[in-house]
Amino acid sequence: MLALKPQKFALSFTCGSITFMASFGIMKGPYEHLVSMFTADRMLFTTIYFGSILATLYLTCTKGGMKGYALVLIASGKSDCC
Protein backbone atom coordinates (compact mmCIF):
# COMPACT_ATOMS: atom_id res chain seq x y z
CA MET A 1 0.00 0.00 0.00
CA LEU A 2 2.84 2.39 0.82
CA ALA A 3 4.44 1.98 -2.59
CA LEU A 4 1.20 2.47 -4.51
CA LYS A 5 -0.72 5.07 -2.49
CA PRO A 6 1.49 6.78 0.09
CA GLN A 7 -1.17 9.43 0.75
CA LYS A 8 -3.57 6.84 2.19
CA PHE A 9 -0.84 5.32 4.33
CA ALA A 10 0.42 8.71 5.51
CA LEU A 11 -3.05 9.89 6.50
CA SER A 12 -3.74 6.69 8.48
CA PHE A 13 -0.31 6.70 10.11
CA THR A 14 -0.54 10.38 11.06
CA CYS A 15 -4.02 9.98 12.55
CA GLY A 16 -2.69 7.01 14.52
CA SER A 17 0.22 9.11 15.82
CA ILE A 18 -2.13 11.89 16.90
CA THR A 19 -4.37 9.36 18.67
CA PHE A 20 -1.34 7.79 20.37
CA MET A 21 -0.14 11.17 21.66
CA ALA A 22 -3.66 12.03 22.84
CA SER A 23 -3.79 8.78 24.80
CA PHE A 24 -0.63 9.77 26.67
CA GLY A 25 -2.28 13.10 27.40
CA ILE A 26 -5.30 11.33 28.84
CA MET A 27 -3.17 9.02 31.00
CA LYS A 28 -0.82 11.70 32.36
CA GLY A 29 -3.18 14.61 32.21
CA PRO A 30 -3.17 17.08 29.31
CA TYR A 31 -1.28 19.86 31.06
CA GLU A 32 1.42 17.59 32.51
CA HIS A 33 1.87 15.87 29.17
CA LEU A 34 2.32 19.16 27.30
CA VAL A 35 4.73 20.47 29.93
CA SER A 36 6.80 17.28 29.69
CA MET A 37 6.87 17.49 25.89
CA PHE A 38 8.12 21.08 25.87
CA THR A 39 11.00 20.75 28.33
CA ALA A 40 14.37 21.99 27.10
CA ASP A 41 15.81 18.52 26.47
CA ARG A 42 12.77 17.41 24.41
CA MET A 43 12.08 20.63 22.51
CA LEU A 44 13.95 19.61 19.35
CA PHE A 45 12.19 16.24 19.16
CA THR A 46 8.79 17.81 19.80
CA THR A 47 9.33 20.47 17.13
CA ILE A 48 10.42 17.92 14.52
CA TYR A 49 7.62 15.53 15.44
CA PHE A 50 4.82 18.11 15.22
CA GLY A 51 6.38 19.70 12.14
CA SER A 52 6.47 16.38 10.31
CA ILE A 53 2.87 15.61 11.32
CA LEU A 54 1.69 18.98 10.03
CA ALA A 55 3.76 18.64 6.84
CA THR A 56 2.37 15.16 6.21
CA LEU A 57 -1.22 16.32 6.67
CA TYR A 58 -0.70 19.38 4.49
CA LEU A 59 1.02 17.47 1.68
CA THR A 60 -1.47 14.61 1.80
CA CYS A 61 -4.40 16.99 1.40
CA THR A 62 -2.92 19.40 -1.15
CA LYS A 63 -0.29 17.79 -3.38
CA GLY A 64 -1.01 15.23 -6.06
CA GLY A 65 0.84 13.38 -8.77
CA MET A 66 4.46 12.29 -8.65
CA LYS A 67 5.62 15.41 -6.83
CA GLY A 68 3.07 14.79 -4.07
CA TYR A 69 4.03 11.11 -4.02
CA ALA A 70 7.67 11.91 -3.22
CA LEU A 71 6.91 14.72 -0.77
CA VAL A 72 4.43 12.61 1.22
CA LEU A 73 6.95 9.76 1.41
CA ILE A 74 9.60 12.11 2.78
CA ALA A 75 7.29 13.78 5.32
CA SER A 76 5.82 10.51 6.58
CA GLY A 77 9.30 9.01 6.82
CA LYS A 78 10.37 11.85 9.10
CA SER A 79 7.42 11.34 11.44
CA ASP A 80 8.07 7.58 11.44
CA CYS A 81 11.73 7.90 12.44
CA CYS A 82 10.96 10.25 15.31
C-alpha atoms as a PDB file:
ATOM      1  CA  MET A   1       0.000   0.000   0.000  1.00  0.00           C
ATOM      2  CA  LEU A   2       2.841   2.394   0.819  1.00  0.00           C
ATOM      3  CA  ALA A   3       4.439   1.984  -2.592  1.00  0.00           C
ATOM      4  CA  LEU A   4       1.195   2.467  -4.514  1.00  0.00           C
ATOM      5  CA  LYS A   5      -0.720   5.068  -2.494  1.00  0.00           C
ATOM      6  CA  PRO A   6       1.489   6.778   0.093  1.00  0.00           C
ATOM      7  CA  GLN A   7      -1.168   9.431   0.754  1.00  0.00           C
ATOM      8  CA  LYS A   8      -3.572   6.845   2.187  1.00  0.00           C
ATOM      9  CA  PHE A   9      -0.844   5.319   4.334  1.00  0.00           C
ATOM     10  CA  ALA A  10       0.417   8.714   5.506  1.00  0.00           C
ATOM     11  CA  LEU A  11      -3.046   9.885   6.504  1.00  0.00           C
ATOM     12  CA  SER A  12      -3.743   6.691   8.478  1.00  0.00           C
ATOM     13  CA  PHE A  13      -0.310   6.702  10.105  1.00  0.00           C
ATOM     14  CA  THR A  14      -0.538  10.379  11.062  1.00  0.00           C
ATOM     15  CA  CYS A  15      -4.022   9.977  12.549  1.00  0.00           C
ATOM     16  CA  GLY A  16      -2.687   7.009  14.522  1.00  0.00           C
ATOM     17  CA  SER A  17       0.219   9.108  15.818  1.00  0.00           C
ATOM     18  CA  ILE A  18      -2.128  11.886  16.902  1.00  0.00           C
ATOM     19  CA  THR A  19      -4.367   9.359  18.669  1.00  0.00           C
ATOM     20  CA  PHE A  20      -1.337   7.794  20.365  1.00  0.00           C
ATOM     21  CA  MET A  21      -0.141  11.172  21.656  1.00  0.00           C
ATOM     22  CA  ALA A  22      -3.659  12.028  22.841  1.00  0.00           C
ATOM     23  CA  SER A  23      -3.795   8.776  24.799  1.00  0.00           C
ATOM     24  CA  PHE A  24      -0.631   9.772  26.666  1.00  0.00           C
ATOM     25  CA  GLY A  25      -2.276  13.100  27.402  1.00  0.00           C
ATOM     26  CA  ILE A  26      -5.297  11.334  28.842  1.00  0.00           C
ATOM     27  CA  MET A  27      -3.172   9.017  30.997  1.00  0.00           C
ATOM     28  CA  LYS A  28      -0.816  11.695  32.357  1.00  0.00           C
ATOM     29  CA  GLY A  29      -3.183  14.612  32.205  1.00  0.00           C
ATOM     30  CA  PRO A  30      -3.172  17.082  29.306  1.00  0.00           C
ATOM     31  CA  TYR A  31      -1.285  19.856  31.064  1.00  0.00           C
ATOM     32  CA  GLU A  32       1.417  17.594  32.505  1.00  0.00           C
ATOM     33  CA  HIS A  33       1.874  15.873  29.167  1.00  0.00           C
ATOM     34  CA  LEU A  34       2.315  19.163  27.299  1.00  0.00           C
ATOM     35  CA  VAL A  35       4.728  20.471  29.933  1.00  0.00           C
ATOM     36  CA  SER A  36       6.803  17.285  29.694  1.00  0.00           C
ATOM     37  CA  MET A  37       6.869  17.494  25.890  1.00  0.00           C
ATOM     38  CA  PHE A  38       8.117  21.077  25.873  1.00  0.00           C
ATOM     39  CA  THR A  39      11.000  20.746  28.326  1.00  0.00           C
ATOM     40  CA  ALA A  40      14.369  21.987  27.104  1.00  0.00           C
ATOM     41  CA  ASP A  41      15.810  18.525  26.475  1.00  0.00           C
ATOM     42  CA  ARG A  42      12.773  17.408  24.412  1.00  0.00           C
ATOM     43  CA  MET A  43      12.079  20.634  22.511  1.00  0.00           C
ATOM     44  CA  LEU A  44      13.955  19.607  19.346  1.00  0.00           C
ATOM     45  CA  PHE A  45      12.194  16.236  19.157  1.00  0.00           C
ATOM     46  CA  THR A  46       8.786  17.810  19.800  1.00  0.00           C
ATOM     47  CA  THR A  47       9.329  20.466  17.126  1.00  0.00           C
ATOM     48  CA  ILE A  48      10.424  17.916  14.521  1.00  0.00           C
ATOM     49  CA  TYR A  49       7.615  15.528  15.439  1.00  0.00           C
ATOM     50  CA  PHE A  50       4.822  18.110  15.219  1.00  0.00           C
ATOM     51  CA  GLY A  51       6.380  19.698  12.138  1.00  0.00           C
ATOM     52  CA  SER A  52       6.468  16.384  10.305  1.00  0.00           C
ATOM     53  CA  ILE A  53       2.875  15.608  11.320  1.00  0.00           C
ATOM     54  CA  LEU A  54       1.686  18.983  10.034  1.00  0.00           C
ATOM     55  CA  ALA A  55       3.758  18.642   6.845  1.00  0.00           C
ATOM     56  CA  THR A  56       2.372  15.157   6.213  1.00  0.00           C
ATOM     57  CA  LEU A  57      -1.223  16.317   6.675  1.00  0.00           C
ATOM     58  CA  TYR A  58      -0.697  19.381   4.490  1.00  0.00           C
ATOM     59  CA  LEU A  59       1.024  17.471   1.679  1.00  0.00           C
ATOM     60  CA  THR A  60      -1.472  14.613   1.803  1.00  0.00           C
ATOM     61  CA  CYS A  61      -4.404  16.989   1.399  1.00  0.00           C
ATOM     62  CA  THR A  62      -2.922  19.400  -1.154  1.00  0.00           C
ATOM     63  CA  LYS A  63      -0.291  17.792  -3.384  1.00  0.00           C
ATOM     64  CA  GLY A  64      -1.013  15.233  -6.062  1.00  0.00           C
ATOM     65  CA  GLY A  65       0.838  13.382  -8.772  1.00  0.00           C
ATOM     66  CA  MET A  66       4.462  12.288  -8.652  1.00  0.00           C
ATOM     67  CA  LYS A  67       5.617  15.407  -6.831  1.00  0.00           C
ATOM     68  CA  GLY A  68       3.075  14.794  -4.075  1.00  0.00           C
ATOM     69  CA  TYR A  69       4.033  11.112  -4.017  1.00  0.00           C
ATOM     70  CA  ALA A  70       7.672  11.912  -3.221  1.00  0.00           C
ATOM     71  CA  LEU A  71       6.915  14.716  -0.770  1.00  0.00           C
ATOM     72  CA  VAL A  72       4.432  12.612   1.215  1.00  0.00           C
ATOM     73  CA  LEU A  73       6.953   9.755   1.413  1.00  0.00           C
ATOM     74  CA  ILE A  74       9.600  12.109   2.779  1.00  0.00           C
ATOM     75  CA  ALA A  75       7.285  13.775   5.319  1.00  0.00           C
ATOM     76  CA  SER A  76       5.819  10.510   6.576  1.00  0.00           C
ATOM     77  CA  GLY A  77       9.295   9.011   6.816  1.00  0.00           C
ATOM     78  CA  LYS A  78      10.373  11.846   9.097  1.00  0.00           C
ATOM     79  CA  SER A  79       7.421  11.338  11.440  1.00  0.00           C
ATOM     80  CA  ASP A  80       8.069   7.584  11.437  1.00  0.00           C
ATOM     81  CA  CYS A  81      11.732   7.898  12.437  1.00  0.00           C
ATOM     82  CA  CYS A  82      10.960  10.252  15.314  1.00  0.00           C
END
